[in-house]
Structures are given as C-alpha cells and as structure tokens.
Amino acid sequence: MKKIITALLAVSLLAAMTCASASEAGSVADPLITKSYAEGQYAESLASTLTASALSALQAVYDRALSSLDPGGSLPQGQYTNGRELMSLPAGTVISMFTGGTLILMSGDMSLSIKAGDVVDASSGKVFTGGELKQNVRYVCVEDTLVSFTAFSDCAVIMEGSYRPDGTVVIPKPPTPVFDDVPAGAWYAEAVGYAVEKGIMDGVGGGRFSPTADTTRAQLVTILYRLENEPAVAPADFTDVPSGQWYSNAVSWAAANGIVGGYGNGTFGPMNALTREQMAKILYGYAQYKGVDVSVTAGLGGYRDASSVQSWAVEPMGWAIASGLISGTSPDTLSPAGSSVRAQTATVLMRLCENILK
C-alpha cells in the first residue's frame, strides 16, 4: 500500500510540474523571458499552479486509498488536509479518519472507536485500543486503518491527513447530580435539580447540597450575575467587598445596575444571611433591570407580622407575593426578617426563571 501511494504521488507531482512549466513558458509572447518576469509573475504563477496540482494529486492518491479500504464504494468521498489544520468541532460531530491521518485533541471531550487497523499514541508509542482521548496527545492512524472520532462536547482539534465528516449524533445531557441530603420526594427536590441543571446553583461538595443552610447575600447576587453571563464590571465601593473574591464582580455588577445598595454605611455584608425581605428587594430590582412589569402587587394586611416589614421592602414583598415568588411561612405570617435557606432560594429561582423571566 505505502509503495503504491508513494509511486502514484511521485508520478502525479512530476506530471504536474512538467505540464505547469510548459504552460507557463508558452504564455509569454516573447520567448526570451526577462529576469524580472521570471522572478515575479512567472515564479508566483508557477508556484500556485504546482501547489494546486500537488494537492490534486494527493487527493487522487487519497481517493484511491479509500477505494482500496472500501472496494464496494459505500463510503462517501473524504478530504485531505494540507498540513496540520486547527478545527473547531461542535458537540456531536463525528469524523472518520484513515491511514496516515493524525489528530490532536486540544480542548473538549472526544472518544475514538476503531473499525479497522491500529492507532498509535505517539506520546507513548503504544497501540491505542479506543475510548476517551487525552488532550495534547497525537493519535496516528497506521496502515490500513479506519477509525471514528466523536466529540462529546465542543472541541478544538489539530488534524492532518485524510479524514471525512460523518455528520452528527445527539449527545445526551449528563444526569442532574443526586445529593445525599436531597431526598427524591422532598418538596424542594425538583427546584434543586432545576437550579443545578441550569448552572445557577451548585452543591457544597461531598455529595451534599445543604438545603437547610442559610443563603448569603453574596450567593444570591452571584446567582443573578451568572444568569447574565458574568459581564465585565468596575469594582464597587463597598468597604467589605475586596477585589479578587468569588463574589466581588457579582456584587459590583448588582450595585452598578441598582439591584443592591448595601446597608447605607458603605458596607454590603456579603456573608450575612439573606433575609426574606432582602431577597424580595433584590429580585424586585433584578426584575426591573430585566424590563419586567413590576406593577402587580398584593396587600400585606392579612399577615399578622406585616408591620415588621421594613418600609423599603413593602413594595417588593407585595410584588413577590402577587407574582407567586414568595409565600407566607404560615397562612398569616410573612417572617420578613427570617433567613432564606438554600432549598427556599432554589425554589424561588425556579419560579423566577420559569414564570417571570420566560
């Protein structure tokens, strides 16, 4: 196989050079070609013609090699890369590669299945039997080889040699993490799964979500900041929000857009537990930022502790109740100063995304 391909390549290149030289020389009216013409237009045109001819010859050699692997002609024609080529492959992309082809996975997740022949891991020199690829490793298809690569996420690869795009496959979503402290039948289980699947809340590690732990003020604004794809911001002026913390940009973004205002004494209290009325106020500000009509409201007179709602939270609490985001802690109590635990926060966020921001 190698000898045949080498011979075909040599003959093709020789024929291309001969034809190109004759064609170019005959294109000049005066048989005496000037030095400037030879160094300029003629040389550029000759190089271009030889390159095109060589690539055409390589494609022909590749097509013949493909035919030998698939004499029945069931495989569609492929492509031959001119040197190493960096490509972006969306998740689900399937690529077939043939004898002499190489692939290096630069980023993402990709697997390989071998249909014929062998693949060598160039970093170790050992035969690779298939499966998940390692990044920054060169995989080489040896003689009489046909393999299939599948991208399980968006990938960047460097390819060289003969390959063929083979369409796409549907990549199933990874299952929502199951937390040891979130029973399947819990009232908040669906909301926790939703928040985690959407990437707006995470577990706390060790297979736990900590549904009864307090939500902090920093955590809520960070969640909203994630919903906005984390735009660049200038640092805020809060004395207790130093730069470089995991919540710094989120707090700065929320303050710059009027979603939060701090305690009025130059502090924000990022690690303070988030109260129910604070949550209503922050979500009210975020809804306004998103252009949501916040005119709908509900009276608070039916709650025994309505008088304990601070003046700046009365309107936001009325809106949050009327919008179905927040309900009383009992039929006649609001508990505005009570903390919002993580299970409650996940539930409110699911309602916000599905019913308010839809």
Protein backbone atom coordinates (compact mmCIF):
# COMPACT_ATOMS: atom_id res chain seq x y z
CA MET A 1 0.00 0.00 0.00
CA LYS A 2 2.70 2.52 1.03
CA LYS A 3 4.78 1.79 -2.09
CA ILE A 4 1.78 2.21 -4.37
CA ILE A 5 0.80 5.52 -2.80
CA THR A 6 4.40 6.81 -2.94
CA ALA A 7 4.73 5.88 -6.60
CA LEU A 8 1.43 7.47 -7.52
CA LEU A 9 2.39 10.62 -5.68
CA ALA A 10 5.77 10.89 -7.42
CA VAL A 11 4.25 10.36 -10.87
CA SER A 12 1.48 12.87 -10.20
CA LEU A 13 3.88 15.54 -8.98
CA LEU A 14 6.26 15.03 -11.92
CA ALA A 15 3.42 15.28 -14.41
CA ALA A 16 2.08 18.39 -12.71
CA MET A 17 5.47 20.11 -12.77
CA THR A 18 6.05 19.28 -16.44
CA CYS A 19 2.62 20.48 -17.56
CA ALA A 20 2.77 23.60 -15.44
CA SER A 21 6.24 24.58 -16.72
CA ALA A 22 5.25 24.13 -20.36
CA SER A 23 2.02 26.03 -19.92
CA GLU A 24 3.67 28.97 -18.17
CA ALA A 25 6.55 29.29 -20.64
CA GLY A 26 4.17 29.25 -23.58
CA SER A 27 2.03 32.01 -22.07
CA VAL A 28 4.67 34.66 -22.77
CA ALA A 29 4.62 36.13 -26.29
CA ASP A 30 8.34 36.80 -26.33
CA PRO A 31 10.32 33.54 -25.99
CA LEU A 32 13.08 35.45 -24.21
CA ILE A 33 11.70 35.73 -20.65
CA THR A 34 13.06 38.75 -18.77
CA LYS A 35 14.70 38.35 -15.39
CA SER A 36 12.05 40.48 -13.67
CA TYR A 37 9.24 38.44 -15.20
CA ALA A 38 10.87 35.18 -14.17
CA GLU A 39 11.34 36.37 -10.59
CA GLY A 40 7.93 37.96 -10.31
CA GLN A 41 4.75 36.99 -12.13
CA TYR A 42 6.15 33.78 -13.61
CA ALA A 43 7.50 32.45 -10.30
CA GLU A 44 4.30 33.25 -8.40
CA SER A 45 2.10 31.72 -11.08
CA LEU A 46 4.27 28.61 -11.31
CA ALA A 47 4.25 28.13 -7.53
CA SER A 48 0.47 28.48 -7.42
CA THR A 49 -0.02 26.01 -10.27
CA LEU A 50 2.38 23.46 -8.76
CA THR A 51 0.67 23.72 -5.35
CA ALA A 52 -2.77 23.17 -6.85
CA SER A 53 -1.50 20.27 -8.94
CA ALA A 54 0.22 18.66 -5.97
CA LEU A 55 -2.87 18.90 -3.78
CA SER A 56 -4.96 17.49 -6.60
CA ALA A 57 -2.52 14.59 -6.87
CA LEU A 58 -2.67 13.99 -3.11
CA GLN A 59 -6.47 13.97 -3.22
CA ALA A 60 -6.36 11.43 -6.04
CA VAL A 61 -3.97 9.22 -4.03
CA TYR A 62 -6.26 9.54 -1.02
CA ASP A 63 -9.33 8.61 -3.06
CA ARG A 64 -7.58 5.52 -4.41
CA ALA A 65 -6.52 4.53 -0.88
CA LEU A 66 -10.12 4.97 0.26
CA SER A 67 -11.32 2.79 -2.59
CA SER A 68 -8.94 0.02 -1.52
CA LEU A 69 -10.36 0.16 2.01
CA ASP A 70 -13.92 0.22 0.70
CA PRO A 71 -13.97 -1.55 -2.69
CA GLY A 72 -17.76 -1.61 -2.67
CA GLY A 73 -17.88 2.19 -2.80
CA SER A 74 -20.25 2.53 0.15
CA LEU A 75 -18.17 5.23 1.86
CA PRO A 76 -18.55 8.85 0.60
CA GLN A 77 -15.54 10.81 -0.58
CA GLY A 78 -13.43 12.50 2.08
CA GLN A 79 -10.96 15.33 2.39
CA TYR A 80 -7.21 15.70 2.67
CA THR A 81 -5.73 18.43 4.87
CA ASN A 82 -2.80 20.47 3.61
CA GLY A 83 -0.55 20.23 6.65
CA ARG A 84 -1.83 20.46 10.21
CA GLU A 85 -5.17 22.23 10.47
CA LEU A 86 -6.80 23.60 13.65
CA MET A 87 -10.54 22.92 13.65
CA SER A 88 -13.47 23.63 15.96
CA LEU A 89 -15.90 20.72 16.23
CA PRO A 90 -19.32 21.24 17.87
CA ALA A 91 -20.57 18.63 20.33
CA GLY A 92 -21.96 15.63 18.49
CA THR A 93 -19.63 15.91 15.48
CA VAL A 94 -18.44 12.58 14.06
CA ILE A 95 -15.22 12.37 12.00
CA SER A 96 -13.80 9.31 10.22
CA MET A 97 -10.05 9.15 9.67
CA PHE A 98 -7.95 6.86 7.51
CA THR A 99 -4.42 5.54 7.03
CA GLY A 100 -1.80 8.21 7.75
CA GLY A 101 -4.22 10.61 9.41
CA THR A 102 -3.40 12.17 12.79
CA LEU A 103 -5.47 14.02 15.39
CA ILE A 104 -4.55 16.00 18.49
CA LEU A 105 -7.33 16.96 20.93
CA MET A 106 -6.59 20.47 22.23
CA SER A 107 -9.74 21.01 24.31
CA GLY A 108 -13.07 19.31 25.00
CA ASP A 109 -14.08 15.68 25.30
CA MET A 110 -13.77 13.17 22.47
CA SER A 111 -13.75 9.40 22.02
CA LEU A 112 -12.34 7.10 19.34
CA SER A 113 -13.63 3.79 18.03
CA ILE A 114 -11.53 1.60 15.73
CA LYS A 115 -13.24 -0.07 12.79
CA ALA A 116 -10.10 -1.48 11.12
CA GLY A 117 -6.35 -1.39 11.70
CA ASP A 118 -4.50 0.23 14.58
CA VAL A 119 -3.99 3.66 16.16
CA VAL A 120 -0.78 4.62 17.94
CA ASP A 121 -0.49 7.03 20.87
CA ALA A 122 2.58 9.00 19.73
CA SER A 123 3.38 10.15 23.28
CA SER A 124 3.93 6.59 24.50
CA GLY A 125 4.49 4.73 21.23
CA LYS A 126 1.87 2.19 22.26
CA VAL A 127 -1.19 0.99 20.37
CA PHE A 128 -4.34 2.81 21.49
CA THR A 129 -7.33 0.48 21.65
CA GLY A 130 -10.01 3.18 21.64
CA GLY A 131 -12.08 5.08 24.16
CA GLU A 132 -11.71 8.55 25.64
CA LEU A 133 -8.89 10.66 24.19
CA LYS A 134 -6.33 12.54 26.24
CA GLN A 135 -5.71 16.19 25.46
CA ASN A 136 -2.45 17.26 23.77
CA VAL A 137 -1.66 13.71 22.62
CA ARG A 138 -1.10 12.88 18.94
CA TYR A 139 -3.06 9.86 17.72
CA VAL A 140 -1.76 8.32 14.47
CA CYS A 141 -3.67 6.01 12.12
CA VAL A 142 -1.25 3.38 10.79
CA GLU A 143 -1.54 1.26 7.64
CA ASP A 144 -4.99 0.02 6.56
CA THR A 145 -6.78 1.84 9.38
CA LEU A 146 -10.28 3.28 9.59
CA VAL A 147 -11.42 4.98 12.82
CA SER A 148 -14.26 7.19 14.01
CA PHE A 149 -13.93 10.16 16.38
CA THR A 150 -16.98 11.53 18.27
CA ALA A 151 -16.98 14.92 20.03
CA PHE A 152 -18.92 14.72 23.30
CA SER A 153 -18.53 18.47 23.90
CA ASP A 154 -17.36 21.43 21.83
CA CYS A 155 -13.80 20.52 20.86
CA ALA A 156 -10.72 22.10 19.32
CA VAL A 157 -8.53 19.64 17.39
CA ILE A 158 -5.49 19.66 15.15
CA MET A 159 -5.94 17.28 12.20
CA GLU A 160 -3.57 16.17 9.49
CA GLY A 161 -4.01 13.72 6.64
CA SER A 162 -7.15 12.08 5.32
CA TYR A 163 -10.50 12.38 7.07
CA ARG A 164 -14.22 12.52 6.35
CA PRO A 165 -17.01 14.41 8.20
CA ASP A 166 -19.68 11.87 9.11
CA GLY A 167 -22.47 14.13 10.36
CA THR A 168 -23.57 14.46 13.96
CA VAL A 169 -25.05 12.43 16.78
CA VAL A 170 -27.21 13.55 19.70
CA ILE A 171 -25.17 13.80 22.89
CA PRO A 172 -27.38 13.11 25.92
CA LYS A 173 -27.30 15.64 28.74
CA PRO A 174 -25.45 14.49 31.83
CA PRO A 175 -27.84 13.47 34.61
CA THR A 176 -28.64 16.03 37.27
CA PRO A 177 -26.42 15.37 40.30
CA VAL A 178 -28.10 13.43 43.08
CA PHE A 179 -27.30 14.83 46.51
CA ASP A 180 -27.25 12.67 49.60
CA ASP A 181 -29.17 15.32 51.55
CA VAL A 182 -31.91 15.93 48.93
CA PRO A 183 -34.46 13.08 49.17
CA ALA A 184 -36.30 12.35 45.94
CA GLY A 185 -39.66 13.14 47.50
CA ALA A 186 -38.65 16.38 49.22
CA TRP A 187 -40.75 19.47 48.39
CA TYR A 188 -37.61 21.21 47.13
CA ALA A 189 -36.07 18.29 45.15
CA GLU A 190 -37.36 19.46 41.77
CA ALA A 191 -36.17 23.02 42.37
CA VAL A 192 -32.71 21.89 43.47
CA GLY A 193 -32.40 19.73 40.35
CA TYR A 194 -33.53 22.65 38.17
CA ALA A 195 -31.09 25.12 39.73
CA VAL A 196 -28.16 22.74 39.41
CA GLU A 197 -29.02 21.69 35.84
CA LYS A 198 -29.25 25.35 34.76
CA GLY A 199 -25.89 26.07 36.37
CA ILE A 200 -27.22 28.75 38.71
CA MET A 201 -26.57 26.85 41.95
CA ASP A 202 -24.03 24.20 42.93
CA GLY A 203 -23.62 21.63 45.63
CA VAL A 204 -21.33 22.33 48.57
CA GLY A 205 -19.12 19.30 47.96
CA GLY A 206 -19.05 15.79 49.32
CA GLY A 207 -22.28 14.91 47.50
CA ARG A 208 -24.28 17.45 49.55
CA PHE A 209 -26.45 20.46 48.69
CA SER A 210 -27.12 21.65 52.27
CA PRO A 211 -30.77 22.57 51.63
CA THR A 212 -31.32 23.90 55.16
CA ALA A 213 -28.20 26.11 55.25
CA ASP A 214 -28.72 29.86 55.03
CA THR A 215 -28.30 31.57 51.68
CA THR A 216 -25.90 34.52 51.93
CA ARG A 217 -26.33 37.89 50.26
CA ALA A 218 -23.24 37.24 48.16
CA GLN A 219 -24.64 33.92 46.94
CA LEU A 220 -27.88 35.42 45.63
CA VAL A 221 -26.22 38.23 43.67
CA THR A 222 -23.71 35.72 42.29
CA ILE A 223 -26.59 33.56 41.04
CA LEU A 224 -28.16 36.56 39.26
CA TYR A 225 -24.76 37.52 37.86
CA ARG A 226 -24.44 34.03 36.36
CA LEU A 227 -27.83 34.44 34.70
CA GLU A 228 -26.38 37.49 32.94
CA ASN A 229 -23.29 35.56 31.74
CA GLU A 230 -20.97 37.46 34.10
CA PRO A 231 -20.33 40.75 32.23
CA ALA A 232 -17.21 42.81 32.94
CA VAL A 233 -17.66 45.39 35.71
CA ALA A 234 -15.78 48.09 37.60
CA PRO A 235 -15.16 47.46 41.33
CA ALA A 236 -17.85 48.61 43.76
CA ASP A 237 -17.09 50.96 46.66
CA PHE A 238 -18.20 48.68 49.49
CA THR A 239 -15.55 48.54 52.18
CA ASP A 240 -16.26 44.87 52.92
CA VAL A 241 -16.09 43.66 49.31
CA PRO A 242 -12.39 43.38 48.44
CA SER A 243 -11.37 42.65 44.87
CA GLY A 244 -10.49 39.10 43.91
CA GLN A 245 -13.16 37.33 45.97
CA TRP A 246 -15.53 34.87 44.30
CA TYR A 247 -18.41 37.31 44.81
CA SER A 248 -16.59 40.61 44.09
CA ASN A 249 -17.65 41.03 40.46
CA ALA A 250 -21.21 39.91 41.17
CA VAL A 251 -21.69 42.46 43.95
CA SER A 252 -20.12 45.19 41.80
CA TRP A 253 -22.43 44.31 38.90
CA ALA A 254 -25.54 44.30 41.10
CA ALA A 255 -24.64 47.63 42.69
CA ALA A 256 -23.82 49.27 39.34
CA ASN A 257 -27.25 48.28 37.99
CA GLY A 258 -29.26 49.40 41.02
CA ILE A 259 -30.15 45.87 42.09
CA VAL A 260 -28.48 46.22 45.51
CA GLY A 261 -27.50 49.27 47.54
CA GLY A 262 -25.83 47.89 50.62
CA TYR A 263 -26.63 48.88 54.19
CA GLY A 264 -26.10 52.59 53.66
CA ASN A 265 -22.90 52.77 55.70
CA GLY A 266 -20.53 51.74 52.93
CA THR A 267 -20.88 48.03 53.59
CA PHE A 268 -22.70 45.22 51.76
CA GLY A 269 -22.46 42.32 54.21
CA PRO A 270 -21.66 39.63 51.62
CA MET A 271 -21.51 36.79 54.17
CA ASN A 272 -24.62 37.86 56.07
CA ALA A 273 -27.61 35.54 55.89
CA LEU A 274 -30.12 36.65 53.27
CA THR A 275 -33.48 37.57 54.80
CA ARG A 276 -36.80 37.02 53.07
CA GLU A 277 -37.45 40.73 52.65
CA GLN A 278 -33.92 41.26 51.31
CA MET A 279 -34.49 38.50 48.77
CA ALA A 280 -37.73 40.18 47.66
CA LYS A 281 -35.97 43.54 47.33
CA ILE A 282 -33.06 42.11 45.30
CA LEU A 283 -35.31 40.11 42.97
CA TYR A 284 -37.57 43.16 42.56
CA GLY A 285 -34.55 45.19 41.46
CA TYR A 286 -33.39 42.42 39.13
CA ALA A 287 -36.85 42.19 37.53
CA GLN A 288 -36.78 45.95 36.90
CA TYR A 289 -33.30 45.59 35.40
CA LYS A 290 -34.69 42.93 33.04
CA GLY A 291 -37.57 45.18 31.98
CA VAL A 292 -40.28 43.14 33.74
CA ASP A 293 -43.54 44.89 34.64
CA VAL A 294 -43.48 45.02 38.44
CA SER A 295 -46.75 46.92 38.87
CA VAL A 296 -48.65 43.85 40.10
CA THR A 297 -48.88 43.82 43.88
CA ALA A 298 -50.61 42.16 46.81
CA GLY A 299 -51.64 43.71 50.10
CA LEU A 300 -49.83 42.63 53.24
CA GLY A 301 -52.67 43.41 55.65
CA GLY A 302 -53.68 39.78 56.02
CA TYR A 303 -50.40 38.90 57.75
CA ARG A 304 -50.04 39.40 61.50
CA ASP A 305 -46.40 40.49 61.15
CA ALA A 306 -46.93 42.85 58.22
CA SER A 307 -45.91 45.80 60.39
CA SER A 308 -42.45 44.31 60.79
CA VAL A 309 -41.75 44.57 57.06
CA GLN A 310 -39.32 47.45 56.64
CA SER A 311 -40.53 50.38 54.54
CA TRP A 312 -38.06 49.75 51.69
CA ALA A 313 -39.34 46.16 51.41
CA VAL A 314 -43.10 46.74 51.44
CA GLU A 315 -43.47 47.23 47.68
CA PRO A 316 -41.02 44.42 46.73
CA MET A 317 -42.74 42.00 49.15
CA GLY A 318 -46.15 42.86 47.69
CA TRP A 319 -44.82 42.24 44.19
CA ALA A 320 -43.08 38.97 45.14
CA ILE A 321 -46.24 37.60 46.75
CA ALA A 322 -48.50 38.68 43.88
CA SER A 323 -46.06 37.15 41.39
CA GLY A 324 -46.01 33.83 43.20
CA LEU A 325 -42.32 34.02 44.05
CA ILE A 326 -42.73 34.15 47.82
CA SER A 327 -45.49 32.93 50.08
CA GLY A 328 -46.04 33.27 53.79
CA THR A 329 -44.34 30.97 56.24
CA SER A 330 -47.86 30.26 57.52
CA PRO A 331 -51.31 31.42 56.40
CA ASP A 332 -50.98 34.63 58.44
CA THR A 333 -47.21 35.23 58.85
CA LEU A 334 -44.54 36.52 56.45
CA SER A 335 -41.42 36.27 58.66
CA PRO A 336 -39.73 39.07 56.67
CA ALA A 337 -36.59 39.00 58.81
CA GLY A 338 -36.31 35.23 58.66
CA SER A 339 -33.44 33.81 56.64
CA SER A 340 -33.91 32.15 53.27
CA VAL A 341 -32.38 28.69 53.28
CA ARG A 342 -30.86 27.20 50.13
CA ALA A 343 -33.87 24.97 49.42
CA GLN A 344 -36.16 28.02 49.51
CA THR A 345 -33.78 30.02 47.33
CA ALA A 346 -33.67 27.25 44.71
CA THR A 347 -37.49 27.17 44.68
CA VAL A 348 -37.82 30.94 44.28
CA LEU A 349 -35.22 30.97 41.49
CA MET A 350 -37.03 28.23 39.57
CA ARG A 351 -40.25 30.25 39.80
CA LEU A 352 -38.41 33.39 38.72
CA CYS A 353 -36.89 31.74 35.62
CA GLU A 354 -39.98 29.79 34.58
CA ASN A 355 -42.74 32.31 35.33
CA ILE A 356 -41.24 35.81 35.43
CA LEU A 357 -38.30 35.79 33.01
CA LYS A 358 -39.88 33.41 30.48
